[in-house]
Amino acid sequence: MSDLFEASGVLPPPESQDGAPLADRLRPTRLEDVVGQDHLLGEGGPIRRMVEAGRLGSMILWGPPGTGKTTIARLLARAAGYQYQQISAVFSGVADLKKAFEQARVRRAAGQSTLLFVDEIHRFNRAQQDGFLPFVEEGVVTLVGATTENPSFELNGALLSRSQVFVLKRLDDAGLDQLLGRAEAHEGRDLPLTPEARHALTALADGDGRYLLTMTEQLFALPEGVVLDVQGLAGTLQRRAPAYDKSREEHYNLISALHKSVRGSDPDAALYWLARMLNGGEDPLYLARRIVRMAVEDIGEADPLSILVANAAKDTYDFLGSSEGELALAQAVVHLATAPKSVGVYEAYKAAKRAAAETGSLTPPAHIRNAPTRLMKQLGYGKGYQYDPDTELGFSGANYFPDEMERRTFYRPKGEGHEEKIKARLEHWAELRAKMQEEGGRE
């Protein structure tokens, strides 16, 4: 019945909540009762200011599941005196949108404002999202869209420009504990859990208030006198998979966290993010490729062994598979996180690419061109070339850049790890080259 009430834009009376899930029975009736979103709804919060001003603007509520997006939309409509209408992008199409807009237009003619709540708004395609624009611009509806995905990637720029994006936070332990207190007050009894199991219950919820209350309802249905410890709780409730979508923003957030933990020389944090991604079902070979990237980008010549360790981890995983092969990835992550760091090669290659693009098709100097034919020799190819191993110092100091290009320095090692020796060697060769050029100029 509640779906019918929602479809018509009318909130069901309190008594119609009998038999509804616990999460619905505990749904807040005031914005002040919404848990965990004080940065938006508390004193001075942007949504709170809208309500106090008595005028709502279109908005996108972006946050994880179970953080109160639907509840906030309902309470906003009630607080501002708007008619509440809800559609879901999962089940609605163009015809449903047209009907919703027409109903809103009729209400507007009668002096009634409409708050149109669109759940999972990111599931509408770009053309459907464009369909909202004229109705939002004309004020036919005040749009409140809910999404678990990054609006920057999933929503049209035109729609975003007409809406404010508010980020809802996952519920912390204090917020989840507050929900448990409300559930116990509603039921008139304590949860049948030891203190340790109660803490484990909030951990299982993973910041999702609705899921917490769903699990709580199962626990209240246990036979009287049963009290569960952590092990008993695990046996009673099925642990759900972590919130992780390999094709969505969370994937990129976590791989960024892993990479930056390695770059920041924090093996413990790096192992944590590696485990988070593996637990979420990430392809271990994707992680292996990224670990190889870390070795060449962030470590390079400071520890040349790192690229070998990273490649060996990939080969080991190929050989052993899951879950034994994942230990090789963990070893590689620890090695890279604890290795000396240098972006010398990475920065040098980027600089060389820019120079190559700028200088176009300059040819190598004649003395280092290959001369396999008599004509090429007559043209001066290879003339004056010095074979460095045969020189007295094992170093000729010759110019290997194009004649039309001034010498540039791309690789600038800072002296970390193995690069300390490389830096000293390069400085020695630079001094020799300068001395030889000076002597050559005097001749």
Protein backbone atom coordinates (compact mmCIF):
# COMPACT_ATOMS: atom_id res chain seq x y z
CA MET A 1 0.00 0.00 0.00
CA SER A 2 2.82 2.43 0.81
CA ASP A 3 3.98 2.32 -2.83
CA LEU A 4 0.49 3.39 -3.97
CA PHE A 5 0.48 6.28 -1.53
CA GLU A 6 3.95 7.33 -2.70
CA ALA A 7 2.98 7.12 -6.37
CA SER A 8 0.06 9.45 -5.77
CA GLY A 9 2.25 11.85 -3.82
CA VAL A 10 0.45 11.29 -0.51
CA LEU A 11 2.27 10.12 2.60
CA PRO A 12 0.52 7.23 4.35
CA PRO A 13 -0.92 7.92 7.79
CA PRO A 14 1.13 6.67 10.76
CA GLU A 15 -1.22 3.77 11.51
CA SER A 16 -0.69 2.36 8.02
CA GLN A 17 2.91 1.60 9.02
CA ASP A 18 1.81 -1.46 11.01
CA GLY A 19 3.48 -4.51 9.55
CA ALA A 20 6.01 -2.42 7.63
CA PRO A 21 9.73 -3.23 7.94
CA LEU A 22 11.43 -1.84 11.03
CA ALA A 23 13.44 0.61 8.92
CA ASP A 24 10.20 2.15 7.63
CA ARG A 25 8.58 2.21 11.05
CA LEU A 26 11.59 4.10 12.40
CA ARG A 27 11.78 6.51 9.49
CA PRO A 28 12.24 10.03 10.95
CA THR A 29 9.29 12.42 10.88
CA ARG A 30 11.44 15.56 11.29
CA LEU A 31 14.64 16.67 9.58
CA GLU A 32 16.18 17.09 13.03
CA ASP A 33 15.86 13.34 13.59
CA VAL A 34 17.87 12.32 10.51
CA VAL A 35 21.08 10.67 11.72
CA GLY A 36 24.58 11.41 10.49
CA GLN A 37 23.95 14.33 8.12
CA ASP A 38 24.37 17.32 10.43
CA HIS A 39 26.71 18.98 7.93
CA LEU A 40 23.65 19.40 5.66
CA LEU A 41 20.70 19.47 8.07
CA GLY A 42 22.19 20.88 11.27
CA GLU A 43 22.41 24.50 12.34
CA GLY A 44 23.86 26.50 9.46
CA GLY A 45 23.74 23.55 7.05
CA PRO A 46 22.83 24.38 3.43
CA ILE A 47 19.65 22.29 3.31
CA ARG A 48 18.58 23.59 6.72
CA ARG A 49 18.94 27.15 5.41
CA MET A 50 16.70 26.34 2.43
CA VAL A 51 13.99 25.04 4.74
CA GLU A 52 14.23 28.06 7.04
CA ALA A 53 13.92 30.34 4.02
CA GLY A 54 10.81 28.44 2.92
CA ARG A 55 12.06 27.93 -0.62
CA LEU A 56 13.68 24.77 -1.94
CA GLY A 57 16.08 24.58 -4.86
CA SER A 58 16.64 21.56 -7.06
CA MET A 59 19.35 19.31 -5.68
CA ILE A 60 21.20 16.04 -6.10
CA LEU A 61 21.71 13.93 -2.98
CA TRP A 62 24.83 11.83 -3.50
CA GLY A 63 25.80 9.22 -0.96
CA PRO A 64 26.10 5.53 -0.11
CA PRO A 65 23.03 3.33 0.39
CA GLY A 66 21.16 3.69 3.67
CA THR A 67 22.22 7.24 4.49
CA GLY A 68 18.78 8.87 4.34
CA LYS A 69 18.38 10.24 0.81
CA THR A 70 14.73 9.21 0.43
CA THR A 71 13.87 10.27 3.98
CA ILE A 72 15.40 13.71 3.50
CA ALA A 73 13.42 14.25 0.29
CA ARG A 74 10.13 13.33 1.99
CA LEU A 75 10.80 15.54 4.98
CA LEU A 76 11.86 18.46 2.80
CA ALA A 77 8.54 18.33 0.98
CA ARG A 78 6.66 18.20 4.25
CA ALA A 79 8.67 21.02 5.86
CA ALA A 80 8.29 23.34 2.85
CA GLY A 81 4.64 22.47 2.16
CA TYR A 82 5.38 20.93 -1.24
CA GLN A 83 3.50 17.99 -2.70
CA TYR A 84 5.81 14.96 -2.68
CA GLN A 85 5.98 12.79 -5.80
CA GLN A 86 8.42 9.93 -6.23
CA ILE A 87 9.62 7.96 -9.23
CA SER A 88 12.46 5.50 -9.63
CA ALA A 89 14.76 5.55 -12.63
CA VAL A 90 14.98 1.76 -12.34
CA PHE A 91 11.28 1.22 -13.06
CA SER A 92 10.22 4.41 -14.87
CA GLY A 93 10.40 5.43 -18.51
CA VAL A 94 9.50 8.42 -20.67
CA ALA A 95 5.76 7.89 -20.20
CA ASP A 96 6.13 7.96 -16.41
CA LEU A 97 8.15 11.16 -16.59
CA LYS A 98 5.58 12.86 -18.81
CA LYS A 99 2.80 11.85 -16.42
CA ALA A 100 4.75 13.17 -13.41
CA PHE A 101 5.44 16.49 -15.11
CA GLU A 102 1.82 16.86 -16.21
CA GLN A 103 0.58 16.21 -12.68
CA ALA A 104 3.05 18.78 -11.37
CA ARG A 105 1.91 21.34 -13.95
CA VAL A 106 -1.74 20.85 -12.87
CA ARG A 107 -0.75 21.32 -9.20
CA ARG A 108 1.21 24.44 -10.06
CA ALA A 109 -1.84 25.94 -11.78
CA ALA A 110 -3.71 25.32 -8.53
CA GLY A 111 -0.95 27.04 -6.53
CA GLN A 112 0.66 23.85 -5.20
CA SER A 113 4.43 23.29 -5.57
CA THR A 114 5.77 19.81 -6.33
CA LEU A 115 8.93 18.16 -5.06
CA LEU A 116 9.77 15.41 -7.55
CA PHE A 117 12.06 12.83 -5.97
CA VAL A 118 13.91 10.69 -8.52
CA ASP A 119 15.61 7.68 -6.98
CA GLU A 120 18.67 6.28 -8.76
CA ILE A 121 18.60 9.27 -11.11
CA HIS A 122 21.92 8.25 -12.65
CA ARG A 123 20.15 5.31 -14.31
CA PHE A 124 18.30 7.66 -16.66
CA ASN A 125 20.20 8.09 -19.92
CA ARG A 126 21.44 11.47 -21.13
CA ALA A 127 18.38 12.15 -23.29
CA GLN A 128 16.02 11.36 -20.42
CA GLN A 129 18.04 13.63 -18.12
CA ASP A 130 17.73 16.42 -20.68
CA GLY A 131 13.96 15.97 -20.45
CA PHE A 132 14.03 17.37 -16.88
CA LEU A 133 15.60 20.68 -17.88
CA PRO A 134 12.60 22.72 -19.09
CA PHE A 135 10.46 21.66 -16.13
CA VAL A 136 13.19 22.50 -13.64
CA GLU A 137 13.88 25.85 -15.34
CA GLU A 138 10.20 26.80 -15.42
CA GLY A 139 9.75 25.81 -11.78
CA VAL A 140 7.12 23.18 -12.61
CA VAL A 141 8.98 20.83 -10.27
CA THR A 142 11.68 21.12 -7.67
CA LEU A 143 13.90 18.17 -8.50
CA VAL A 144 15.55 16.12 -5.79
CA GLY A 145 17.62 13.36 -7.36
CA ALA A 146 19.27 10.56 -5.37
CA THR A 147 22.33 8.73 -6.57
CA THR A 148 25.03 6.46 -5.21
CA GLU A 149 27.31 7.32 -8.15
CA ASN A 150 29.52 10.34 -8.72
CA PRO A 151 27.28 12.95 -10.40
CA SER A 152 30.28 14.36 -12.27
CA PHE A 153 30.45 11.16 -14.30
CA GLU A 154 26.82 10.06 -14.40
CA LEU A 155 24.73 13.22 -14.81
CA ASN A 156 24.50 15.78 -17.59
CA GLY A 157 26.41 18.97 -17.05
CA ALA A 158 23.28 20.95 -17.93
CA LEU A 159 21.30 19.20 -15.19
CA LEU A 160 24.12 19.65 -12.67
CA SER A 161 24.33 23.36 -13.46
CA ARG A 162 20.69 23.74 -12.42
CA SER A 163 21.05 21.76 -9.20
CA GLN A 164 23.13 21.83 -6.06
CA VAL A 165 24.99 18.63 -5.24
CA PHE A 166 24.95 17.64 -1.58
CA VAL A 167 27.17 14.77 -0.39
CA LEU A 168 25.71 12.50 2.28
CA LYS A 169 28.17 10.72 4.55
CA ARG A 170 28.15 7.04 5.40
CA LEU A 171 26.94 6.61 8.94
CA ASP A 172 29.70 6.35 11.52
CA ASP A 173 29.61 4.11 14.59
CA ALA A 174 27.98 6.81 16.70
CA GLY A 175 25.19 7.28 14.16
CA LEU A 176 24.61 3.56 13.80
CA ASP A 177 24.53 3.15 17.58
CA GLN A 178 21.94 5.92 17.73
CA LEU A 179 19.77 3.95 15.29
CA LEU A 180 20.14 0.83 17.42
CA GLY A 181 19.01 2.83 20.46
CA ARG A 182 15.90 3.96 18.60
CA ALA A 183 15.15 0.40 17.53
CA GLU A 184 15.46 -0.85 21.11
CA ALA A 185 13.21 1.95 22.37
CA HIS A 186 10.65 1.12 19.69
CA GLU A 187 10.68 -2.60 20.58
CA GLY A 188 10.84 -1.93 24.32
CA ARG A 189 13.80 -4.26 24.90
CA ASP A 190 17.54 -4.53 24.36
CA LEU A 191 19.08 -6.34 21.45
CA PRO A 192 19.97 -9.95 22.34
CA LEU A 193 23.70 -9.33 21.88
CA THR A 194 26.82 -9.20 23.99
CA PRO A 195 28.63 -5.81 23.91
CA GLU A 196 31.22 -7.27 21.54
CA ALA A 197 28.52 -8.64 19.23
CA ARG A 198 26.73 -5.28 19.26
CA HIS A 199 29.93 -3.62 18.06
CA ALA A 200 30.34 -6.32 15.40
CA LEU A 201 26.77 -5.64 14.23
CA THR A 202 27.57 -1.99 13.48
CA ALA A 203 30.71 -3.10 11.63
CA LEU A 204 28.59 -5.45 9.49
CA ALA A 205 26.33 -2.55 8.54
CA ASP A 206 29.26 -0.78 6.86
CA GLY A 207 27.69 2.66 7.27
CA ASP A 208 24.27 1.62 5.89
CA GLY A 209 21.49 2.53 8.33
CA ARG A 210 18.73 0.66 6.51
CA TYR A 211 20.79 -2.52 6.37
CA LEU A 212 21.56 -2.17 10.08
CA LEU A 213 17.86 -1.97 10.93
CA THR A 214 17.09 -4.90 8.62
CA MET A 215 19.61 -7.03 10.52
CA THR A 216 18.25 -5.69 13.83
CA GLU A 217 14.75 -6.81 12.90
CA GLN A 218 16.04 -10.34 12.37
CA LEU A 219 17.66 -10.30 15.79
CA PHE A 220 14.49 -9.14 17.54
CA ALA A 221 12.74 -12.15 15.98
CA LEU A 222 15.04 -14.59 17.81
CA PRO A 223 13.52 -16.76 20.55
CA GLU A 224 13.29 -15.11 23.96
CA GLY A 225 16.34 -15.69 26.16
CA VAL A 226 18.83 -16.10 23.31
CA VAL A 227 21.88 -13.84 23.61
CA LEU A 228 24.41 -13.97 20.78
CA ASP A 229 28.16 -13.46 21.00
CA VAL A 230 30.25 -12.46 17.97
CA GLN A 231 30.41 -16.02 16.65
CA GLY A 232 26.69 -16.53 17.15
CA LEU A 233 25.96 -13.26 15.37
CA ALA A 234 28.07 -14.32 12.39
CA GLY A 235 26.18 -17.61 12.21
CA THR A 236 22.79 -15.90 12.38
CA LEU A 237 23.39 -13.10 9.87
CA GLN A 238 24.82 -13.47 6.41
CA ARG A 239 27.65 -11.03 5.80
CA ARG A 240 27.02 -9.07 2.65
CA ALA A 241 29.69 -8.19 0.09
CA PRO A 242 31.49 -4.87 0.61
CA ALA A 243 30.10 -1.89 -1.30
CA TYR A 244 32.41 -2.02 -4.30
CA ASP A 245 31.69 -1.75 -8.01
CA LYS A 246 34.62 -2.43 -10.29
CA SER A 247 33.23 -0.17 -13.01
CA ARG A 248 32.32 2.79 -10.81
CA GLU A 249 33.96 5.57 -8.84
CA GLU A 250 34.75 3.46 -5.78
CA HIS A 251 37.05 1.36 -7.96
CA TYR A 252 39.07 4.43 -8.89
CA ASN A 253 39.02 5.80 -5.35
CA LEU A 254 40.47 2.60 -3.93
CA ILE A 255 43.16 2.08 -6.55
CA SER A 256 44.16 5.71 -6.04
CA ALA A 257 44.38 5.08 -2.30
CA LEU A 258 46.55 2.00 -2.88
CA HIS A 259 48.87 3.79 -5.30
CA LYS A 260 49.28 6.84 -3.08
CA SER A 261 49.90 4.71 0.00
CA VAL A 262 52.76 2.99 -1.84
CA ARG A 263 54.05 6.35 -3.06
CA GLY A 264 53.83 7.65 0.51
CA SER A 265 55.90 4.72 1.83
CA ASP A 266 53.10 3.37 4.05
CA PRO A 267 53.09 -0.44 3.68
CA ASP A 268 50.31 -0.90 6.26
CA ALA A 269 47.86 1.41 4.50
CA ALA A 270 48.86 -0.08 1.14
CA LEU A 271 48.10 -3.61 2.38
CA TYR A 272 44.74 -2.43 3.72
CA TRP A 273 43.64 -0.97 0.37
CA LEU A 274 44.95 -4.04 -1.47
CA ALA A 275 42.86 -6.26 0.80
CA ARG A 276 39.81 -4.00 0.37
CA MET A 277 39.99 -4.33 -3.40
CA LEU A 278 40.57 -8.07 -3.36
CA ASN A 279 37.71 -8.57 -0.89
CA GLY A 280 35.50 -6.52 -3.20
CA GLY A 281 36.17 -8.89 -6.09
CA GLU A 282 38.74 -6.86 -8.00
CA ASP A 283 40.66 -8.73 -10.72
CA PRO A 284 44.06 -9.56 -9.15
CA LEU A 285 45.76 -9.20 -12.54
CA TYR A 286 44.45 -5.63 -12.78
CA LEU A 287 46.12 -4.99 -9.43
CA ALA A 288 49.29 -6.69 -10.67
CA ARG A 289 49.40 -4.33 -13.66
CA ARG A 290 48.96 -1.32 -11.41
CA ILE A 291 51.73 -2.57 -9.10
CA VAL A 292 54.08 -2.78 -12.09
CA ARG A 293 53.07 0.79 -12.95
CA MET A 294 53.95 1.90 -9.42
CA ALA A 295 57.38 0.30 -9.73
CA VAL A 296 58.28 2.23 -12.88
CA GLU A 297 56.53 5.50 -12.03
CA ASP A 298 57.34 6.06 -8.36
CA ILE A 299 60.50 4.04 -7.72
CA GLY A 300 62.36 3.67 -11.00
CA GLU A 301 66.13 3.73 -10.71
CA ALA A 302 66.06 4.34 -6.96
CA ASP A 303 65.50 0.58 -6.66
CA PRO A 304 65.74 -1.17 -10.07
CA LEU A 305 64.85 -4.45 -8.32
CA SER A 306 61.28 -3.21 -7.78
CA ILE A 307 60.22 -3.75 -11.40
CA LEU A 308 61.52 -7.32 -11.18
CA VAL A 309 59.62 -7.92 -7.93
CA ALA A 310 56.42 -6.49 -9.43
CA ASN A 311 56.69 -8.62 -12.56
CA ALA A 312 57.53 -11.68 -10.47
CA ALA A 313 54.39 -11.08 -8.39
CA LYS A 314 52.31 -11.03 -11.58
CA ASP A 315 53.93 -14.27 -12.80
CA THR A 316 53.50 -15.89 -9.39
CA TYR A 317 49.80 -15.06 -9.35
CA ASP A 318 49.49 -16.47 -12.88
CA PHE A 319 51.12 -19.66 -11.63
CA LEU A 320 49.33 -20.08 -8.29
CA GLY A 321 46.01 -18.32 -8.83
CA SER A 322 43.78 -17.30 -5.91
CA SER A 323 44.11 -17.23 -3.06
CA GLU A 324 47.76 -18.27 -2.71
CA GLY A 325 48.91 -15.95 -5.48
CA GLU A 326 47.48 -12.93 -3.71
CA LEU A 327 50.30 -13.21 -1.17
CA ALA A 328 52.77 -12.43 -3.96
CA LEU A 329 50.86 -9.23 -4.71
CA ALA A 330 51.00 -8.36 -1.01
CA GLN A 331 54.77 -8.97 -0.96
CA ALA A 332 55.24 -6.74 -3.99
CA VAL A 333 53.15 -3.97 -2.41
CA VAL A 334 55.25 -4.11 0.76
CA HIS A 335 58.49 -4.10 -1.24
CA LEU A 336 57.41 -1.08 -3.27
CA ALA A 337 56.08 0.82 -0.26
CA THR A 338 59.33 0.34 1.64
CA ALA A 339 61.64 0.98 -1.33
CA PRO A 340 63.39 4.34 -1.88
CA LYS A 341 61.32 6.51 -4.22
CA SER A 342 62.26 8.43 -7.33
CA VAL A 343 60.20 9.88 -10.15
CA GLY A 344 63.40 10.75 -12.00
CA VAL A 345 62.82 8.39 -14.93
CA TYR A 346 59.10 9.19 -15.03
CA GLU A 347 59.69 12.94 -15.18
CA ALA A 348 62.60 12.54 -17.60
CA TYR A 349 60.49 10.58 -20.06
CA LYS A 350 57.66 13.14 -19.91
CA ALA A 351 60.15 15.94 -20.57
CA ALA A 352 61.75 14.00 -23.45
CA LYS A 353 58.31 13.42 -25.01
CA ARG A 354 57.58 17.14 -24.88
CA ALA A 355 60.94 17.92 -26.47
CA ALA A 356 60.41 15.31 -29.19
CA ALA A 357 57.02 16.86 -30.01
CA GLU A 358 58.51 20.36 -30.09
CA THR A 359 61.54 19.58 -32.28
CA GLY A 360 59.75 17.54 -34.93
CA SER A 361 61.87 15.53 -37.38
CA LEU A 362 65.41 16.64 -36.60
CA THR A 363 67.91 14.04 -37.78
CA PRO A 364 70.68 12.57 -35.65
CA PRO A 365 74.12 14.19 -36.02
CA ALA A 366 76.12 12.70 -38.90
CA HIS A 367 78.78 11.08 -36.72
CA ILE A 368 76.27 8.68 -35.09
CA ARG A 369 74.34 7.80 -38.25
CA ASN A 370 74.85 4.30 -39.60
CA ALA A 371 76.86 4.13 -42.86
CA PRO A 372 76.29 0.73 -44.51
CA THR A 373 76.89 2.01 -48.10
CA ARG A 374 79.72 3.88 -49.86
CA LEU A 375 77.44 6.78 -50.75
CA MET A 376 76.46 7.24 -47.12
CA LYS A 377 80.12 7.27 -46.12
CA GLN A 378 80.83 9.88 -48.81
CA LEU A 379 78.03 11.98 -47.36
CA GLY A 380 79.77 11.94 -43.99
CA TYR A 381 77.65 9.38 -42.23
CA GLY A 382 79.61 7.98 -39.29
CA LYS A 383 82.52 10.35 -39.83
CA GLY A 384 84.34 11.16 -36.62
CA TYR A 385 82.41 8.66 -34.54
CA GLN A 386 84.30 7.61 -31.42
CA TYR A 387 83.68 4.17 -30.01
CA ASP A 388 83.46 5.02 -26.31
CA PRO A 389 84.85 1.72 -24.94
CA ASP A 390 88.05 2.32 -26.94
CA THR A 391 88.68 5.81 -25.56
CA GLU A 392 91.13 6.36 -22.76
CA LEU A 393 88.44 7.21 -20.20
CA GLY A 394 85.77 4.94 -21.69
CA PHE A 395 83.84 8.13 -22.38
CA SER A 396 84.07 10.24 -25.54
CA GLY A 397 81.94 13.20 -24.46
CA ALA A 398 80.48 13.38 -27.99
CA ASN A 399 77.19 15.13 -28.77
CA TYR A 400 74.31 12.75 -29.43
CA PHE A 401 71.56 15.34 -29.82
CA PRO A 402 70.59 16.74 -33.26
CA ASP A 403 72.99 19.46 -34.45
CA GLU A 404 70.13 21.97 -34.54
CA MET A 405 69.13 21.29 -30.93
CA GLU A 406 70.84 22.50 -27.80
CA ARG A 407 71.70 19.88 -25.26
CA ARG A 408 68.97 19.38 -22.63
CA THR A 409 68.92 17.57 -19.32
CA PHE A 410 65.81 15.45 -18.79
CA TYR A 411 66.91 12.93 -16.16
CA ARG A 412 67.68 14.59 -12.82
CA PRO A 413 68.14 11.92 -10.12
CA LYS A 414 67.86 13.23 -6.57
CA GLY A 415 70.16 10.61 -5.14
CA GLU A 416 67.70 8.24 -3.44
CA GLY A 417 68.78 4.61 -3.09
CA HIS A 418 70.55 3.25 -6.16
CA GLU A 419 70.23 6.66 -7.82
CA GLU A 420 72.90 8.03 -5.50
CA LYS A 421 75.52 6.18 -7.55
CA ILE A 422 73.83 7.15 -10.83
CA LYS A 423 73.80 10.81 -9.83
CA ALA A 424 77.49 10.78 -8.98
CA ARG A 425 78.29 9.06 -12.31
CA LEU A 426 76.24 11.56 -14.32
CA GLU A 427 77.87 14.50 -12.56
CA HIS A 428 81.31 13.02 -13.33
CA TRP A 429 80.43 12.59 -17.02
CA ALA A 430 79.04 16.12 -17.17
CA GLU A 431 82.32 17.49 -15.87
CA LEU A 432 84.29 15.42 -18.39
CA ARG A 433 82.02 16.52 -21.25
CA ALA A 434 82.39 20.20 -20.33
CA LYS A 435 86.17 19.82 -20.06
CA MET A 436 86.42 18.04 -23.44
CA GLN A 437 84.25 20.67 -25.15
CA GLU A 438 86.42 23.40 -23.66
CA GLU A 439 89.60 21.71 -24.87
CA GLY A 440 88.03 21.11 -28.27
CA GLY A 441 87.12 24.77 -28.55
CA ARG A 442 90.70 25.84 -27.85
CA GLU A 443 91.95 23.57 -30.61
